[in-house]
Amino acid sequence: MNKISVKEDFSVFPTGREIAHSDSSGEEFRLKFLVPALRQPGRVTIDFERVLGAGSSFLEEAFGRLVFNEKLTFSKFEEKFQLLPTDSSYVEEIYQYVRDAEKEWKRLEKGHGL
């Protein structure tokens, strides 16, 4: 699994946070594609080319929750995953969710959370 085409492998319009609420949810994408990719050696390209719309709840659940659950730093995320096309608005949005998730788990880890 060196490349994941969101459109071809998953959905042209991925949306929703949880499997219970959507047939193309961020939770499903994370569990089916991102977690297995994380466990395999090598860099993985995630291609959003020709995706007609990826909802913010999908992106946050798939990528932010991956980082939060797996305790990935932003730099480790960038080492593992290449996001395409690089000029896509999804890329910066995903990077923001990744940064936010990293900050949150570090804050909780220091005992300032729940």
N, C-alpha and C. Protein backbone atom coordinates (compact mmCIF):
# COMPACT_ATOMS: atom_id res chain seq x y z
N MET A 1 0.84 -1.18 0.00
CA MET A 1 0.00 0.00 0.00
C MET A 1 0.90 1.25 0.00
N ASN A 2 1.37 1.63 -1.15
CA ASN A 2 2.19 2.82 -1.26
C ASN A 2 1.40 4.04 -1.67
N LYS A 3 0.22 3.82 -2.25
CA LYS A 3 -0.62 4.94 -2.65
C LYS A 3 -2.08 4.62 -2.37
N ILE A 4 -2.75 5.61 -1.80
CA ILE A 4 -4.19 5.50 -1.56
C ILE A 4 -4.84 6.61 -2.36
N SER A 5 -5.66 6.23 -3.32
CA SER A 5 -6.45 7.20 -4.07
C SER A 5 -7.80 7.29 -3.36
N VAL A 6 -8.06 8.43 -2.76
CA VAL A 6 -9.31 8.57 -2.00
C VAL A 6 -10.49 8.30 -2.91
N LYS A 7 -10.47 8.87 -4.11
CA LYS A 7 -11.58 8.70 -5.05
C LYS A 7 -11.73 7.24 -5.50
N GLU A 8 -10.63 6.64 -5.94
CA GLU A 8 -10.69 5.29 -6.49
C GLU A 8 -10.85 4.21 -5.43
N ASP A 9 -10.19 4.38 -4.30
CA ASP A 9 -10.17 3.33 -3.28
C ASP A 9 -11.25 3.49 -2.21
N PHE A 10 -11.84 4.69 -2.14
CA PHE A 10 -12.77 4.93 -1.03
C PHE A 10 -14.06 5.60 -1.48
N SER A 11 -14.01 6.89 -1.81
CA SER A 11 -15.23 7.61 -2.17
C SER A 11 -14.89 8.92 -2.88
N VAL A 12 -15.72 9.29 -3.83
CA VAL A 12 -15.56 10.57 -4.51
C VAL A 12 -16.02 11.73 -3.61
N PHE A 13 -16.84 11.43 -2.63
CA PHE A 13 -17.37 12.44 -1.72
C PHE A 13 -17.34 11.92 -0.28
N PRO A 14 -16.15 11.81 0.29
CA PRO A 14 -16.04 11.30 1.67
C PRO A 14 -16.56 12.33 2.67
N THR A 15 -17.41 11.87 3.54
CA THR A 15 -18.01 12.80 4.50
C THR A 15 -18.44 12.06 5.76
N GLY A 16 -18.54 12.80 6.82
CA GLY A 16 -19.01 12.22 8.07
C GLY A 16 -17.86 11.77 8.96
N ARG A 17 -18.14 11.76 10.23
CA ARG A 17 -17.14 11.43 11.22
C ARG A 17 -17.11 9.93 11.52
N GLU A 18 -18.26 9.36 11.84
CA GLU A 18 -18.32 7.99 12.34
C GLU A 18 -19.00 7.05 11.36
N ILE A 19 -18.61 5.79 11.43
CA ILE A 19 -19.18 4.76 10.57
C ILE A 19 -20.69 4.70 10.73
N ALA A 20 -21.18 4.88 11.94
CA ALA A 20 -22.62 4.80 12.21
C ALA A 20 -23.41 5.88 11.48
N HIS A 21 -22.74 6.96 11.05
CA HIS A 21 -23.45 8.08 10.45
C HIS A 21 -23.20 8.27 8.96
N SER A 22 -22.28 7.49 8.38
CA SER A 22 -21.94 7.71 6.98
C SER A 22 -21.32 6.46 6.37
N ASP A 23 -21.61 6.24 5.10
CA ASP A 23 -21.01 5.12 4.38
C ASP A 23 -19.58 5.43 3.93
N SER A 24 -19.18 6.69 4.07
CA SER A 24 -17.83 7.08 3.66
C SER A 24 -17.22 7.99 4.72
N SER A 25 -17.19 7.49 5.95
CA SER A 25 -16.78 8.30 7.10
C SER A 25 -15.27 8.35 7.29
N GLY A 26 -14.84 9.34 8.03
CA GLY A 26 -13.45 9.46 8.41
C GLY A 26 -12.98 8.29 9.26
N GLU A 27 -13.85 7.82 10.13
CA GLU A 27 -13.51 6.67 10.97
C GLU A 27 -13.21 5.45 10.10
N GLU A 28 -14.06 5.19 9.12
CA GLU A 28 -13.84 4.05 8.24
C GLU A 28 -12.55 4.19 7.45
N PHE A 29 -12.31 5.38 6.91
CA PHE A 29 -11.08 5.62 6.13
C PHE A 29 -9.85 5.42 7.01
N ARG A 30 -9.89 5.94 8.22
CA ARG A 30 -8.77 5.79 9.14
C ARG A 30 -8.50 4.32 9.45
N LEU A 31 -9.56 3.58 9.79
CA LEU A 31 -9.38 2.18 10.18
C LEU A 31 -9.02 1.27 9.01
N LYS A 32 -9.60 1.54 7.85
CA LYS A 32 -9.39 0.69 6.68
C LYS A 32 -8.09 0.99 5.95
N PHE A 33 -7.68 2.26 5.93
CA PHE A 33 -6.51 2.64 5.13
C PHE A 33 -5.35 3.21 5.94
N LEU A 34 -5.62 4.19 6.80
CA LEU A 34 -4.52 4.91 7.44
C LEU A 34 -3.81 4.10 8.51
N VAL A 35 -4.55 3.43 9.37
CA VAL A 35 -3.91 2.62 10.42
C VAL A 35 -3.07 1.50 9.81
N PRO A 36 -3.61 0.73 8.85
CA PRO A 36 -2.76 -0.29 8.23
C PRO A 36 -1.53 0.30 7.53
N ALA A 37 -1.69 1.45 6.88
CA ALA A 37 -0.56 2.09 6.20
C ALA A 37 0.51 2.50 7.21
N LEU A 38 0.07 2.96 8.35
CA LEU A 38 0.99 3.38 9.40
C LEU A 38 1.83 2.22 9.90
N ARG A 39 1.27 1.04 9.90
CA ARG A 39 1.94 -0.15 10.42
C ARG A 39 2.93 -0.76 9.42
N GLN A 40 2.83 -0.35 8.16
CA GLN A 40 3.70 -0.90 7.13
C GLN A 40 4.91 0.00 6.90
N PRO A 41 6.02 -0.59 6.48
CA PRO A 41 7.20 0.23 6.21
C PRO A 41 7.00 1.09 4.96
N GLY A 42 7.72 2.20 4.92
CA GLY A 42 7.71 3.04 3.73
C GLY A 42 6.71 4.18 3.80
N ARG A 43 6.90 5.10 2.91
CA ARG A 43 6.05 6.29 2.82
C ARG A 43 4.80 5.98 2.00
N VAL A 44 3.70 6.61 2.36
CA VAL A 44 2.43 6.38 1.69
C VAL A 44 1.90 7.70 1.14
N THR A 45 1.50 7.67 -0.12
CA THR A 45 0.90 8.83 -0.76
C THR A 45 -0.62 8.72 -0.65
N ILE A 46 -1.24 9.80 -0.22
CA ILE A 46 -2.70 9.87 -0.16
C ILE A 46 -3.13 10.92 -1.17
N ASP A 47 -3.84 10.48 -2.19
CA ASP A 47 -4.18 11.34 -3.32
C ASP A 47 -5.65 11.74 -3.28
N PHE A 48 -5.88 13.04 -3.20
CA PHE A 48 -7.24 13.58 -3.19
C PHE A 48 -7.68 14.07 -4.57
N GLU A 49 -6.91 13.77 -5.60
CA GLU A 49 -7.24 14.19 -6.96
C GLU A 49 -8.64 13.70 -7.34
N ARG A 50 -9.42 14.60 -7.88
CA ARG A 50 -10.79 14.36 -8.36
C ARG A 50 -11.80 14.00 -7.28
N VAL A 51 -11.46 14.24 -6.03
CA VAL A 51 -12.43 14.11 -4.94
C VAL A 51 -13.32 15.35 -5.01
N LEU A 52 -14.61 15.16 -5.06
CA LEU A 52 -15.53 16.28 -5.24
C LEU A 52 -15.78 17.07 -3.98
N GLY A 53 -15.50 16.49 -2.87
CA GLY A 53 -15.67 17.19 -1.60
C GLY A 53 -15.34 16.26 -0.46
N ALA A 54 -14.54 16.74 0.45
CA ALA A 54 -14.22 15.97 1.65
C ALA A 54 -14.59 16.86 2.83
N GLY A 55 -15.59 16.46 3.57
CA GLY A 55 -16.07 17.27 4.67
C GLY A 55 -15.05 17.42 5.78
N SER A 56 -15.14 18.52 6.51
CA SER A 56 -14.20 18.76 7.60
C SER A 56 -14.32 17.69 8.68
N SER A 57 -15.51 17.19 8.91
CA SER A 57 -15.66 16.14 9.93
C SER A 57 -14.94 14.86 9.47
N PHE A 58 -15.00 14.57 8.19
CA PHE A 58 -14.26 13.42 7.64
C PHE A 58 -12.76 13.61 7.85
N LEU A 59 -12.24 14.77 7.46
CA LEU A 59 -10.80 15.03 7.55
C LEU A 59 -10.30 15.02 8.99
N GLU A 60 -11.05 15.65 9.87
CA GLU A 60 -10.64 15.69 11.27
C GLU A 60 -10.64 14.30 11.90
N GLU A 61 -11.68 13.54 11.63
CA GLU A 61 -11.78 12.19 12.20
C GLU A 61 -10.70 11.27 11.63
N ALA A 62 -10.50 11.31 10.33
CA ALA A 62 -9.52 10.42 9.71
C ALA A 62 -8.10 10.75 10.14
N PHE A 63 -7.72 12.01 9.98
CA PHE A 63 -6.32 12.38 10.18
C PHE A 63 -6.02 12.87 11.60
N GLY A 64 -6.88 13.72 12.13
CA GLY A 64 -6.67 14.20 13.50
C GLY A 64 -6.74 13.07 14.50
N ARG A 65 -7.74 12.21 14.36
CA ARG A 65 -7.90 11.09 15.29
C ARG A 65 -6.77 10.07 15.14
N LEU A 66 -6.27 9.90 13.91
CA LEU A 66 -5.12 9.01 13.71
C LEU A 66 -3.93 9.51 14.53
N VAL A 67 -3.65 10.79 14.43
CA VAL A 67 -2.52 11.38 15.15
C VAL A 67 -2.74 11.29 16.65
N PHE A 68 -3.95 11.61 17.09
CA PHE A 68 -4.27 11.57 18.51
C PHE A 68 -4.16 10.15 19.05
N ASN A 69 -4.78 9.20 18.38
CA ASN A 69 -4.78 7.81 18.87
C ASN A 69 -3.40 7.17 18.83
N GLU A 70 -2.64 7.47 17.79
CA GLU A 70 -1.34 6.83 17.60
C GLU A 70 -0.18 7.65 18.18
N LYS A 71 -0.49 8.83 18.73
CA LYS A 71 0.52 9.71 19.33
C LYS A 71 1.63 10.06 18.33
N LEU A 72 1.20 10.47 17.15
CA LEU A 72 2.14 10.87 16.10
C LEU A 72 2.45 12.35 16.21
N THR A 73 3.68 12.69 16.03
CA THR A 73 4.02 14.11 15.92
C THR A 73 3.73 14.56 14.49
N PHE A 74 3.65 15.85 14.31
CA PHE A 74 3.45 16.39 12.97
C PHE A 74 4.59 15.95 12.04
N SER A 75 5.81 15.99 12.55
CA SER A 75 6.95 15.62 11.70
C SER A 75 6.90 14.13 11.32
N LYS A 76 6.47 13.28 12.23
CA LYS A 76 6.33 11.85 11.90
C LYS A 76 5.22 11.63 10.88
N PHE A 77 4.15 12.40 11.02
CA PHE A 77 3.06 12.31 10.05
C PHE A 77 3.58 12.68 8.66
N GLU A 78 4.32 13.78 8.58
CA GLU A 78 4.87 14.23 7.28
C GLU A 78 5.86 13.23 6.71
N GLU A 79 6.62 12.57 7.57
CA GLU A 79 7.56 11.55 7.09
C GLU A 79 6.83 10.35 6.50
N LYS A 80 5.71 9.99 7.11
CA LYS A 80 4.99 8.79 6.70
C LYS A 80 4.07 9.02 5.51
N PHE A 81 3.38 10.16 5.50
CA PHE A 81 2.35 10.41 4.50
C PHE A 81 2.68 11.60 3.60
N GLN A 82 2.50 11.41 2.31
CA GLN A 82 2.58 12.50 1.35
C GLN A 82 1.15 12.75 0.88
N LEU A 83 0.71 14.00 0.95
CA LEU A 83 -0.65 14.36 0.56
C LEU A 83 -0.62 15.05 -0.80
N LEU A 84 -1.48 14.61 -1.70
CA LEU A 84 -1.58 15.19 -3.04
C LEU A 84 -3.02 15.54 -3.37
N PRO A 85 -3.24 16.47 -4.29
CA PRO A 85 -2.24 17.37 -4.86
C PRO A 85 -1.80 18.40 -3.82
N THR A 86 -0.55 18.80 -3.91
CA THR A 86 0.02 19.67 -2.89
C THR A 86 -0.66 21.03 -2.81
N ASP A 87 -1.29 21.44 -3.89
CA ASP A 87 -1.98 22.74 -3.87
C ASP A 87 -3.46 22.62 -3.48
N SER A 88 -3.86 21.46 -3.03
CA SER A 88 -5.24 21.23 -2.62
C SER A 88 -5.52 21.88 -1.27
N SER A 89 -6.71 22.43 -1.11
CA SER A 89 -7.09 23.00 0.18
C SER A 89 -7.17 21.93 1.26
N TYR A 90 -7.37 20.69 0.86
CA TYR A 90 -7.42 19.60 1.83
C TYR A 90 -6.10 19.44 2.57
N VAL A 91 -5.00 19.66 1.88
CA VAL A 91 -3.69 19.43 2.48
C VAL A 91 -3.48 20.34 3.68
N GLU A 92 -3.70 21.62 3.52
CA GLU A 92 -3.50 22.54 4.65
C GLU A 92 -4.51 22.27 5.76
N GLU A 93 -5.73 21.92 5.40
CA GLU A 93 -6.74 21.60 6.41
C GLU A 93 -6.33 20.36 7.21
N ILE A 94 -5.84 19.34 6.52
CA ILE A 94 -5.38 18.13 7.19
C ILE A 94 -4.20 18.45 8.10
N TYR A 95 -3.25 19.23 7.60
CA TYR A 95 -2.10 19.60 8.42
C TYR A 95 -2.53 20.34 9.69
N GLN A 96 -3.55 21.17 9.58
CA GLN A 96 -4.02 21.88 10.77
C GLN A 96 -4.65 20.91 11.77
N TYR A 97 -5.43 19.96 11.29
CA TYR A 97 -6.01 18.95 12.19
C TYR A 97 -4.92 18.11 12.85
N VAL A 98 -3.88 17.79 12.11
CA VAL A 98 -2.77 17.01 12.65
C VAL A 98 -2.05 17.81 13.74
N ARG A 99 -1.78 19.07 13.48
CA ARG A 99 -1.12 19.92 14.48
C ARG A 99 -1.97 20.05 15.74
N ASP A 100 -3.26 20.28 15.55
CA ASP A 100 -4.18 20.42 16.68
C ASP A 100 -4.25 19.14 17.51
N ALA A 101 -4.32 18.00 16.83
CA ALA A 101 -4.40 16.72 17.54
C ALA A 101 -3.12 16.44 18.33
N GLU A 102 -1.98 16.78 17.74
CA GLU A 102 -0.71 16.59 18.45
C GLU A 102 -0.67 17.46 19.70
N LYS A 103 -1.08 18.69 19.59
CA LYS A 103 -1.10 19.59 20.76
C LYS A 103 -2.02 19.05 21.85
N GLU A 104 -3.17 18.54 21.44
CA GLU A 104 -4.15 18.04 22.42
C GLU A 104 -3.63 16.82 23.17
N TRP A 105 -3.06 15.83 22.46
CA TRP A 105 -2.60 14.65 23.20
C TRP A 105 -1.39 14.98 24.06
N LYS A 106 -0.58 15.92 23.64
CA LYS A 106 0.56 16.33 24.49
C LYS A 106 0.05 17.06 25.74
N ARG A 107 -0.97 17.89 25.56
CA ARG A 107 -1.55 18.59 26.71
C ARG A 107 -2.16 17.59 27.69
N LEU A 108 -2.89 16.64 27.19
CA LEU A 108 -3.51 15.61 28.05
C LEU A 108 -2.44 14.74 28.72
N GLU A 109 -1.39 14.46 27.98
CA GLU A 109 -0.31 13.64 28.51
C GLU A 109 0.36 14.31 29.70
N LYS A 110 0.42 15.64 29.68
CA LYS A 110 1.04 16.37 30.77
C LYS A 110 0.10 16.52 31.97
N GLY A 111 -1.10 15.98 31.86
CA GLY A 111 -2.01 16.00 32.99
C GLY A 111 -2.89 17.22 33.09
N HIS A 112 -2.99 17.99 32.01
CA HIS A 112 -3.82 19.18 32.03
C HIS A 112 -5.20 18.93 31.44
N GLY A 113 -5.48 17.71 31.17
CA GLY A 113 -6.76 17.41 30.53
C GLY A 113 -7.76 16.83 31.49
N LEU A 114 -8.45 15.85 31.03
CA LEU A 114 -9.51 15.22 31.78
C LEU A 114 -8.97 14.70 33.07
